Amino acid sequence: MKGQFLGLVIIIDDDKDICDLLAHLLDRAGYDDSTAIKLLSLREPDVLLLDIVIPEPDGMAVLAKARALYPQLPVIIITGTTGIPDDVSAIKAIAFDHIPKPFDNNGVLEVVNRAMQTSASKL
C-alpha cells in the first residue's frame, strides 16, 4: 500500500522502540504518522494512538486535551499496564478501543483501520 495516503495517525508513547515500531508499521500500511505530543495542537489527526501511562503530561491529560480539541477524534489506548480494572473500564468508555502491550501488528492495523473508517464517516 506504500504511496497511498490513508490518513494521519499521531502516536504518543514514552517507549521510543514502541513509537518506532508503530510508525514503521503504519508507514508501510500507507498512513502518515507522527510521534510528537505538540503536533496534536498543530494539526488534527484522523486517529490518535496513546499510551495512557507516560510521564508528564500524563496520558489522561493528553487524552483530555485531545478530547477538548477534537471531540470526535478516535483515540486508541495502548498500554502495558494491567490489573487496574476500574481505570481500564473508564478509559475504554472514552476511547475508541484499547490495545494491550505486547500487541499483534495485524491487530493494531485492524483497529487503526476501523478507527480511520469511523473518523472518515464523521466528515
N, C-alpha and C. Protein backbone atom coordinates (compact mmCIF):
# COMPACT_ATOMS: atom_id res chain seq x y z
N MET A 1 0.80 -1.20 0.00
CA MET A 1 0.00 0.00 0.00
C MET A 1 0.85 1.26 0.00
N LYS A 2 2.14 1.14 0.05
CA LYS A 2 3.02 2.28 0.08
C LYS A 2 2.70 3.21 -1.07
N GLY A 3 2.69 4.54 -0.78
CA GLY A 3 2.37 5.51 -1.80
C GLY A 3 0.95 6.00 -1.72
N GLN A 4 0.07 5.27 -1.07
CA GLN A 4 -1.31 5.67 -0.90
C GLN A 4 -1.48 6.24 0.50
N PHE A 5 -1.97 7.49 0.61
CA PHE A 5 -2.16 8.14 1.90
C PHE A 5 -3.52 7.77 2.46
N LEU A 6 -3.53 7.13 3.62
CA LEU A 6 -4.78 6.70 4.22
C LEU A 6 -5.27 7.62 5.33
N GLY A 7 -4.41 8.47 5.86
CA GLY A 7 -4.78 9.37 6.94
C GLY A 7 -3.63 9.60 7.89
N LEU A 8 -3.80 10.58 8.79
CA LEU A 8 -2.77 10.92 9.75
C LEU A 8 -3.05 10.25 11.09
N VAL A 9 -2.06 9.52 11.60
CA VAL A 9 -2.14 8.88 12.90
C VAL A 9 -1.04 9.49 13.77
N ILE A 10 -1.40 10.03 14.92
CA ILE A 10 -0.40 10.53 15.86
C ILE A 10 -0.18 9.45 16.91
N ILE A 11 1.10 9.18 17.19
CA ILE A 11 1.50 8.16 18.16
C ILE A 11 2.12 8.87 19.35
N ILE A 12 1.60 8.61 20.54
CA ILE A 12 2.18 9.17 21.76
C ILE A 12 2.46 8.03 22.73
N ASP A 13 3.74 7.74 22.91
CA ASP A 13 4.19 6.67 23.80
C ASP A 13 5.59 7.06 24.30
N ASP A 14 5.89 6.79 25.55
CA ASP A 14 7.19 7.15 26.08
C ASP A 14 8.27 6.13 25.73
N ASP A 15 7.90 5.02 25.14
CA ASP A 15 8.86 3.99 24.74
C ASP A 15 9.22 4.22 23.27
N LYS A 16 10.45 4.69 23.03
CA LYS A 16 10.89 5.01 21.67
C LYS A 16 10.80 3.79 20.75
N ASP A 17 11.10 2.61 21.26
CA ASP A 17 11.02 1.41 20.43
C ASP A 17 9.58 1.14 19.97
N ILE A 18 8.62 1.35 20.87
CA ILE A 18 7.21 1.17 20.50
C ILE A 18 6.81 2.21 19.45
N CYS A 19 7.23 3.47 19.67
CA CYS A 19 6.92 4.52 18.68
C CYS A 19 7.50 4.18 17.32
N ASP A 20 8.77 3.75 17.32
CA ASP A 20 9.42 3.40 16.05
C ASP A 20 8.72 2.23 15.37
N LEU A 21 8.37 1.21 16.15
CA LEU A 21 7.68 0.04 15.59
C LEU A 21 6.32 0.43 15.01
N LEU A 22 5.54 1.19 15.77
CA LEU A 22 4.22 1.60 15.29
C LEU A 22 4.34 2.52 14.07
N ALA A 23 5.30 3.44 14.09
CA ALA A 23 5.50 4.35 12.96
C ALA A 23 5.86 3.56 11.70
N HIS A 24 6.76 2.60 11.84
CA HIS A 24 7.15 1.76 10.70
C HIS A 24 5.96 0.95 10.18
N LEU A 25 5.23 0.35 11.10
CA LEU A 25 4.06 -0.46 10.73
C LEU A 25 3.03 0.39 9.98
N LEU A 26 2.72 1.55 10.53
CA LEU A 26 1.71 2.43 9.91
C LEU A 26 2.21 3.01 8.59
N ASP A 27 3.48 3.38 8.53
CA ASP A 27 4.05 3.91 7.29
C ASP A 27 3.96 2.89 6.17
N ARG A 28 4.30 1.64 6.47
CA ARG A 28 4.23 0.58 5.45
C ARG A 28 2.79 0.33 4.99
N ALA A 29 1.83 0.60 5.88
CA ALA A 29 0.42 0.39 5.53
C ALA A 29 -0.16 1.59 4.78
N GLY A 30 0.58 2.69 4.68
CA GLY A 30 0.11 3.84 3.91
C GLY A 30 -0.38 5.01 4.75
N TYR A 31 -0.19 4.95 6.05
CA TYR A 31 -0.61 6.05 6.92
C TYR A 31 0.54 7.04 7.09
N ASP A 32 0.19 8.32 7.21
CA ASP A 32 1.13 9.34 7.64
C ASP A 32 1.14 9.26 9.16
N ASP A 33 2.33 9.26 9.75
CA ASP A 33 2.38 9.12 11.20
C ASP A 33 3.33 10.15 11.80
N SER A 34 3.09 10.46 13.06
CA SER A 34 3.94 11.37 13.80
C SER A 34 3.96 10.91 15.25
N THR A 35 5.05 11.21 15.95
CA THR A 35 5.17 10.77 17.32
C THR A 35 5.34 11.94 18.30
N ALA A 36 4.90 13.13 17.96
CA ALA A 36 5.09 14.30 18.83
C ALA A 36 3.79 14.75 19.49
N ILE A 37 3.85 14.98 20.80
CA ILE A 37 2.67 15.46 21.53
C ILE A 37 2.25 16.84 21.03
N LYS A 38 3.22 17.74 20.80
CA LYS A 38 2.83 19.10 20.42
C LYS A 38 2.16 19.14 19.05
N LEU A 39 2.39 18.16 18.20
CA LEU A 39 1.72 18.12 16.90
C LEU A 39 0.21 18.03 17.07
N LEU A 40 -0.23 17.45 18.17
CA LEU A 40 -1.66 17.32 18.44
C LEU A 40 -2.35 18.68 18.45
N SER A 41 -1.65 19.72 18.92
CA SER A 41 -2.20 21.07 18.96
C SER A 41 -2.12 21.76 17.60
N LEU A 42 -1.22 21.29 16.75
CA LEU A 42 -0.98 21.96 15.49
C LEU A 42 -1.79 21.41 14.33
N ARG A 43 -2.14 20.15 14.41
CA ARG A 43 -2.80 19.50 13.27
C ARG A 43 -3.75 18.42 13.77
N GLU A 44 -4.96 18.42 13.26
CA GLU A 44 -5.92 17.40 13.68
C GLU A 44 -5.60 16.07 13.01
N PRO A 45 -5.35 15.05 13.82
CA PRO A 45 -5.11 13.73 13.23
C PRO A 45 -6.43 13.04 12.91
N ASP A 46 -6.34 11.96 12.16
CA ASP A 46 -7.51 11.13 11.91
C ASP A 46 -7.70 10.11 13.03
N VAL A 47 -6.58 9.71 13.64
CA VAL A 47 -6.59 8.74 14.75
C VAL A 47 -5.44 9.09 15.68
N LEU A 48 -5.65 8.88 16.98
CA LEU A 48 -4.60 9.06 17.98
C LEU A 48 -4.33 7.72 18.65
N LEU A 49 -3.07 7.28 18.61
CA LEU A 49 -2.61 6.10 19.37
C LEU A 49 -1.92 6.64 20.60
N LEU A 50 -2.44 6.35 21.79
CA LEU A 50 -1.97 6.98 23.02
C LEU A 50 -1.68 5.96 24.10
N ASP A 51 -0.44 5.97 24.58
CA ASP A 51 -0.10 5.20 25.78
C ASP A 51 -0.59 6.03 26.95
N ILE A 52 -1.43 5.49 27.78
CA ILE A 52 -2.04 6.24 28.87
C ILE A 52 -1.06 6.40 30.04
N VAL A 53 -0.04 5.53 30.12
CA VAL A 53 0.94 5.60 31.21
C VAL A 53 2.25 6.17 30.66
N ILE A 54 2.32 7.50 30.64
CA ILE A 54 3.51 8.22 30.18
C ILE A 54 3.82 9.31 31.20
N PRO A 55 5.09 9.79 31.20
CA PRO A 55 5.41 10.89 32.11
C PRO A 55 4.72 12.19 31.68
N GLU A 56 4.88 13.21 32.48
CA GLU A 56 4.21 14.50 32.25
C GLU A 56 4.38 14.99 30.83
N PRO A 57 3.32 15.47 30.19
CA PRO A 57 1.95 15.34 30.70
C PRO A 57 1.50 13.90 30.61
N ASP A 58 0.84 13.43 31.64
CA ASP A 58 0.42 12.03 31.65
C ASP A 58 -0.64 11.77 30.59
N GLY A 59 -0.85 10.50 30.33
CA GLY A 59 -1.76 10.10 29.26
C GLY A 59 -3.18 10.61 29.44
N MET A 60 -3.66 10.66 30.67
CA MET A 60 -5.02 11.16 30.90
C MET A 60 -5.11 12.65 30.56
N ALA A 61 -4.05 13.42 30.84
CA ALA A 61 -4.03 14.84 30.49
C ALA A 61 -4.01 15.01 28.97
N VAL A 62 -3.22 14.18 28.30
CA VAL A 62 -3.18 14.23 26.83
C VAL A 62 -4.54 13.85 26.25
N LEU A 63 -5.16 12.83 26.83
CA LEU A 63 -6.49 12.40 26.38
C LEU A 63 -7.50 13.53 26.55
N ALA A 64 -7.46 14.21 27.70
CA ALA A 64 -8.38 15.33 27.95
C ALA A 64 -8.16 16.45 26.94
N LYS A 65 -6.88 16.75 26.65
CA LYS A 65 -6.56 17.79 25.67
C LYS A 65 -7.07 17.40 24.29
N ALA A 66 -6.83 16.16 23.91
CA ALA A 66 -7.29 15.68 22.60
C ALA A 66 -8.81 15.78 22.49
N ARG A 67 -9.51 15.39 23.54
CA ARG A 67 -10.98 15.45 23.55
C ARG A 67 -11.48 16.90 23.47
N ALA A 68 -10.76 17.81 24.14
CA ALA A 68 -11.14 19.23 24.09
C ALA A 68 -10.93 19.82 22.70
N LEU A 69 -9.82 19.46 22.08
CA LEU A 69 -9.51 19.98 20.74
C LEU A 69 -10.36 19.33 19.65
N TYR A 70 -10.53 18.02 19.75
CA TYR A 70 -11.18 17.25 18.70
C TYR A 70 -12.14 16.24 19.32
N PRO A 71 -13.34 16.64 19.69
CA PRO A 71 -14.26 15.76 20.41
C PRO A 71 -14.58 14.45 19.69
N GLN A 72 -14.55 14.42 18.37
CA GLN A 72 -14.90 13.22 17.62
C GLN A 72 -13.70 12.35 17.27
N LEU A 73 -12.49 12.74 17.70
CA LEU A 73 -11.27 12.03 17.35
C LEU A 73 -11.27 10.61 17.93
N PRO A 74 -11.08 9.59 17.08
CA PRO A 74 -10.93 8.23 17.61
C PRO A 74 -9.58 8.09 18.31
N VAL A 75 -9.62 7.75 19.59
CA VAL A 75 -8.41 7.56 20.38
C VAL A 75 -8.29 6.07 20.72
N ILE A 76 -7.14 5.51 20.37
CA ILE A 76 -6.86 4.11 20.68
C ILE A 76 -5.82 4.10 21.79
N ILE A 77 -6.17 3.52 22.92
CA ILE A 77 -5.28 3.45 24.07
C ILE A 77 -4.38 2.23 23.91
N ILE A 78 -3.07 2.45 24.06
CA ILE A 78 -2.11 1.35 24.06
C ILE A 78 -1.37 1.41 25.40
N THR A 79 -1.34 0.31 26.10
CA THR A 79 -0.63 0.30 27.37
C THR A 79 -0.29 -1.11 27.80
N GLY A 80 0.77 -1.21 28.56
CA GLY A 80 1.19 -2.48 29.13
C GLY A 80 0.68 -2.65 30.55
N THR A 81 0.01 -1.64 31.07
CA THR A 81 -0.49 -1.69 32.44
C THR A 81 -1.76 -2.52 32.50
N THR A 82 -1.77 -3.46 33.42
CA THR A 82 -2.95 -4.28 33.64
C THR A 82 -3.23 -4.35 35.13
N GLY A 83 -4.34 -4.88 35.49
CA GLY A 83 -4.64 -5.05 36.90
C GLY A 83 -5.29 -3.85 37.55
N ILE A 84 -5.72 -2.88 36.75
CA ILE A 84 -6.42 -1.72 37.28
C ILE A 84 -7.78 -1.67 36.59
N PRO A 85 -8.68 -2.59 36.91
CA PRO A 85 -9.92 -2.74 36.16
C PRO A 85 -10.79 -1.48 36.10
N ASP A 86 -10.90 -0.73 37.18
CA ASP A 86 -11.73 0.47 37.15
C ASP A 86 -11.18 1.51 36.19
N ASP A 87 -9.85 1.72 36.22
CA ASP A 87 -9.24 2.68 35.31
C ASP A 87 -9.37 2.23 33.87
N VAL A 88 -9.13 0.95 33.61
CA VAL A 88 -9.23 0.44 32.24
C VAL A 88 -10.66 0.58 31.74
N SER A 89 -11.64 0.28 32.58
CA SER A 89 -13.04 0.43 32.17
C SER A 89 -13.38 1.87 31.86
N ALA A 90 -12.90 2.79 32.68
CA ALA A 90 -13.15 4.21 32.45
C ALA A 90 -12.50 4.67 31.16
N ILE A 91 -11.27 4.22 30.92
CA ILE A 91 -10.56 4.59 29.70
C ILE A 91 -11.27 4.03 28.48
N LYS A 92 -11.70 2.77 28.56
CA LYS A 92 -12.40 2.17 27.43
C LYS A 92 -13.70 2.90 27.11
N ALA A 93 -14.32 3.47 28.13
CA ALA A 93 -15.58 4.18 27.91
C ALA A 93 -15.39 5.45 27.09
N ILE A 94 -14.19 6.06 27.16
CA ILE A 94 -13.96 7.30 26.42
C ILE A 94 -13.01 7.12 25.24
N ALA A 95 -12.51 5.92 25.05
CA ALA A 95 -11.60 5.65 23.94
C ALA A 95 -12.32 4.84 22.87
N PHE A 96 -11.80 4.90 21.67
CA PHE A 96 -12.35 4.11 20.57
C PHE A 96 -12.10 2.63 20.82
N ASP A 97 -10.88 2.31 21.27
CA ASP A 97 -10.52 0.93 21.54
C ASP A 97 -9.29 0.91 22.43
N HIS A 98 -8.92 -0.27 22.87
CA HIS A 98 -7.77 -0.47 23.76
C HIS A 98 -6.93 -1.60 23.20
N ILE A 99 -5.62 -1.36 23.09
CA ILE A 99 -4.69 -2.39 22.62
C ILE A 99 -3.67 -2.64 23.72
N PRO A 100 -3.68 -3.85 24.31
CA PRO A 100 -2.69 -4.15 25.35
C PRO A 100 -1.33 -4.47 24.74
N LYS A 101 -0.27 -4.11 25.46
CA LYS A 101 1.09 -4.50 25.07
C LYS A 101 1.40 -5.82 25.76
N PRO A 102 2.13 -6.71 25.15
CA PRO A 102 2.59 -6.64 23.76
C PRO A 102 1.42 -6.83 22.80
N PHE A 103 1.52 -6.21 21.66
CA PHE A 103 0.42 -6.27 20.70
C PHE A 103 0.82 -7.01 19.44
N ASP A 104 -0.19 -7.43 18.72
CA ASP A 104 -0.04 -8.10 17.44
C ASP A 104 -0.11 -7.03 16.35
N ASN A 105 0.88 -6.98 15.47
CA ASN A 105 0.91 -5.95 14.42
C ASN A 105 -0.36 -5.93 13.58
N ASN A 106 -0.83 -7.09 13.17
CA ASN A 106 -2.06 -7.15 12.37
C ASN A 106 -3.26 -6.63 13.16
N GLY A 107 -3.28 -6.93 14.45
CA GLY A 107 -4.36 -6.44 15.31
C GLY A 107 -4.34 -4.92 15.40
N VAL A 108 -3.15 -4.33 15.50
CA VAL A 108 -3.03 -2.87 15.54
C VAL A 108 -3.58 -2.27 14.25
N LEU A 109 -3.17 -2.82 13.12
CA LEU A 109 -3.65 -2.29 11.83
C LEU A 109 -5.16 -2.44 11.70
N GLU A 110 -5.70 -3.53 12.18
CA GLU A 110 -7.15 -3.74 12.12
C GLU A 110 -7.88 -2.67 12.92
N VAL A 111 -7.41 -2.39 14.13
CA VAL A 111 -8.05 -1.37 14.98
C VAL A 111 -7.88 0.02 14.37
N VAL A 112 -6.69 0.33 13.87
CA VAL A 112 -6.46 1.64 13.25
C VAL A 112 -7.34 1.79 12.01
N ASN A 113 -7.46 0.75 11.21
CA ASN A 113 -8.33 0.82 10.02
C ASN A 113 -9.79 1.08 10.40
N ARG A 114 -10.27 0.40 11.45
CA ARG A 114 -11.64 0.63 11.91
C ARG A 114 -11.82 2.06 12.43
N ALA A 115 -10.83 2.54 13.17
CA ALA A 115 -10.89 3.89 13.70
C ALA A 115 -10.87 4.91 12.56
N MET A 116 -10.06 4.64 11.55
CA MET A 116 -9.96 5.54 10.40
C MET A 116 -11.30 5.61 9.66
N GLN A 117 -11.98 4.48 9.54
CA GLN A 117 -13.29 4.47 8.90
C GLN A 117 -14.30 5.28 9.72
N THR A 118 -14.22 5.18 11.02
CA THR A 118 -15.09 5.96 11.91
C THR A 118 -14.80 7.44 11.75
N SER A 119 -13.52 7.78 11.70
CA SER A 119 -13.10 9.18 11.55
C SER A 119 -13.60 9.74 10.22
N ALA A 120 -13.46 8.96 9.15
CA ALA A 120 -13.88 9.41 7.82
C ALA A 120 -15.40 9.56 7.73
N SER A 121 -16.12 8.72 8.43
CA SER A 121 -17.59 8.78 8.36
C SER A 121 -18.16 10.00 9.08
N LYS A 122 -17.35 10.66 9.91
CA LYS A 122 -17.82 11.83 10.65
C LYS A 122 -17.59 13.12 9.89
N LEU A 123 -17.00 13.03 8.69
CA LEU A 123 -16.76 14.25 7.89
C LEU A 123 -18.02 14.78 7.27
